[in-house]
Protein backbone atom coordinates (compact mmCIF):
# COMPACT_ATOMS: atom_id res chain seq x y z
CA MET A 1 24.60 -30.62 -23.03
CA ASP A 2 26.39 -27.33 -21.04
CA ILE A 3 23.84 -25.14 -19.43
CA HIS A 4 25.69 -21.96 -18.87
CA LEU A 5 23.90 -19.03 -16.07
CA ASN A 6 23.73 -16.79 -18.29
CA SER A 7 21.87 -17.92 -21.39
CA GLU A 8 17.73 -17.36 -22.06
CA PRO A 9 16.12 -19.99 -20.71
CA VAL A 10 18.25 -19.80 -17.46
CA LYS A 11 16.82 -15.94 -16.67
CA TYR A 12 13.12 -16.54 -17.81
CA ALA A 13 13.05 -19.71 -15.76
CA LEU A 14 14.44 -17.87 -12.27
CA LEU A 15 11.96 -15.04 -13.40
CA LEU A 16 8.95 -17.91 -13.05
CA LEU A 17 10.59 -19.35 -10.41
CA THR A 18 10.18 -15.73 -8.17
CA LEU A 19 7.16 -15.13 -9.06
CA PRO A 20 5.20 -15.43 -6.12
CA PHE A 21 7.44 -12.94 -4.29
CA TRP A 22 7.15 -10.34 -7.21
CA LEU A 23 3.69 -10.72 -8.41
CA PRO A 24 1.67 -9.53 -4.81
CA PHE A 25 4.33 -6.47 -5.33
CA ALA A 26 3.39 -5.39 -8.35
CA LYS A 27 0.22 -5.76 -8.31
CA ALA A 28 -0.29 -3.61 -4.77
CA LEU A 29 1.83 -1.09 -6.75
CA TRP A 30 -0.34 -1.33 -10.19
CA THR A 31 -3.56 -1.40 -7.98
CA GLU A 32 -2.33 1.92 -5.53
CA PHE A 33 -1.37 3.65 -8.71
CA ASN A 34 -4.26 3.23 -10.78
CA ASP A 35 -6.61 4.17 -7.89
CA SER A 36 -4.14 7.30 -7.00
CA LEU A 37 -5.25 8.54 -10.64
CA ARG A 38 -8.74 7.78 -10.87
CA ASP A 39 -9.83 11.12 -10.71
CA GLU A 40 -8.08 10.97 -14.25
CA GLY A 41 -9.18 7.70 -15.70
CA GLY A 42 -6.27 5.80 -13.94
CA LEU A 43 -2.93 5.28 -15.88
CA LEU A 44 -4.44 4.31 -19.51
CA GLY A 45 -7.98 4.78 -19.73
CA ALA A 46 -9.32 7.76 -20.51
CA ALA A 47 -10.44 10.72 -18.19
CA PRO A 48 -13.88 9.96 -17.15
CA THR A 49 -17.23 13.23 -17.42
CA PRO A 50 -18.22 14.95 -14.20
CA GLU A 51 -21.36 12.76 -14.20
CA GLU A 52 -19.16 9.85 -13.99
CA LEU A 53 -16.06 10.94 -11.98
CA ALA A 54 -19.49 11.71 -8.74
CA ALA A 55 -20.81 8.14 -9.73
CA ILE A 56 -17.35 6.95 -9.37
CA GLU A 57 -16.92 8.50 -5.78
CA ARG A 58 -20.29 7.19 -4.94
CA THR A 59 -19.86 4.08 -5.15
CA ARG A 60 -16.05 3.73 -4.10
CA GLY A 61 -15.38 6.95 -1.79
CA ARG A 62 -12.14 9.98 -1.71
CA PHE A 63 -9.21 8.09 -2.59
CA GLN A 64 -7.63 7.31 0.23
CA SER A 65 -4.07 5.19 0.16
CA SER A 66 -3.70 1.49 1.64
CA MET A 67 -0.56 2.32 1.79
CA ARG A 68 0.95 4.15 5.24
CA SER A 69 3.35 4.01 7.51
CA VAL A 70 2.70 3.10 11.23
CA THR A 71 5.33 2.49 14.13
CA ARG A 72 5.23 -0.79 16.03
CA GLU A 73 3.96 0.76 18.99
CA GLU A 74 1.21 2.30 17.06
CA GLN A 75 -0.21 -0.52 15.58
CA ALA A 76 -0.42 -2.15 19.07
CA ARG A 77 -2.24 0.20 20.27
CA LEU A 78 -4.37 0.58 17.33
CA GLU A 79 -4.83 -3.48 17.49
CA ASN A 80 -5.73 -3.44 21.20
CA SER A 81 -7.97 -0.50 20.98
CA GLY A 82 -10.33 -2.14 17.93
CA TRP A 83 -8.75 0.53 15.48
CA ASP A 84 -9.88 -1.02 12.09
CA GLY A 85 -7.69 0.95 10.07
CA ALA A 86 -10.29 2.78 7.83
CA SER A 87 -9.51 6.00 8.10
CA ASP A 88 -5.95 8.24 8.54
CA ASP A 89 -8.48 10.26 10.12
CA ALA A 90 -8.66 8.08 13.27
CA ARG A 91 -5.22 7.37 13.33
CA ARG A 92 -3.65 10.63 13.56
CA THR A 93 -6.12 11.63 16.21
CA GLN A 94 -5.09 8.64 18.47
CA ARG A 95 -0.97 9.42 18.13
CA THR A 96 0.85 9.98 20.89
CA THR A 97 3.78 11.77 21.62
CA PRO A 98 6.80 10.06 23.00
CA GLU A 99 6.65 12.48 26.60
CA SER A 100 2.52 11.30 26.48
CA ALA A 101 3.68 8.02 26.30
CA GLY A 102 4.92 7.74 29.48
CA GLY A 103 9.15 8.45 28.64
CA ALA A 104 11.52 8.23 26.36
CA ARG A 105 11.43 6.37 23.66
CA LYS A 106 12.52 3.37 22.99
CA ARG A 107 15.42 2.85 20.03
CA THR A 108 14.64 -0.24 18.08
CA PHE A 109 16.67 -1.47 14.92
CA ARG A 110 14.51 -2.16 12.08
């Protein structure tokens, strides 16, 4: 029996074997996208009435994206200060400039 790498069973096996790598990423994207559109009913849902929207905001609060960019220096400083990551406003008020941090910013490869 001759198995070719471009056959359908190999493609499905590769998809299933890589599932642990891409499924959490896809789930995070789905949750982020659905939460960002919750005022309109999410991706596939109907738009909520004003009363339902008020109830959603009471139970879950206003939408804040969990996907935000934080440099390594900011992350280390925030972890040392005990910041729990609850709001973007706290991160913005705690940010320092390179001059106030004590000199020029060290360039690193990412």
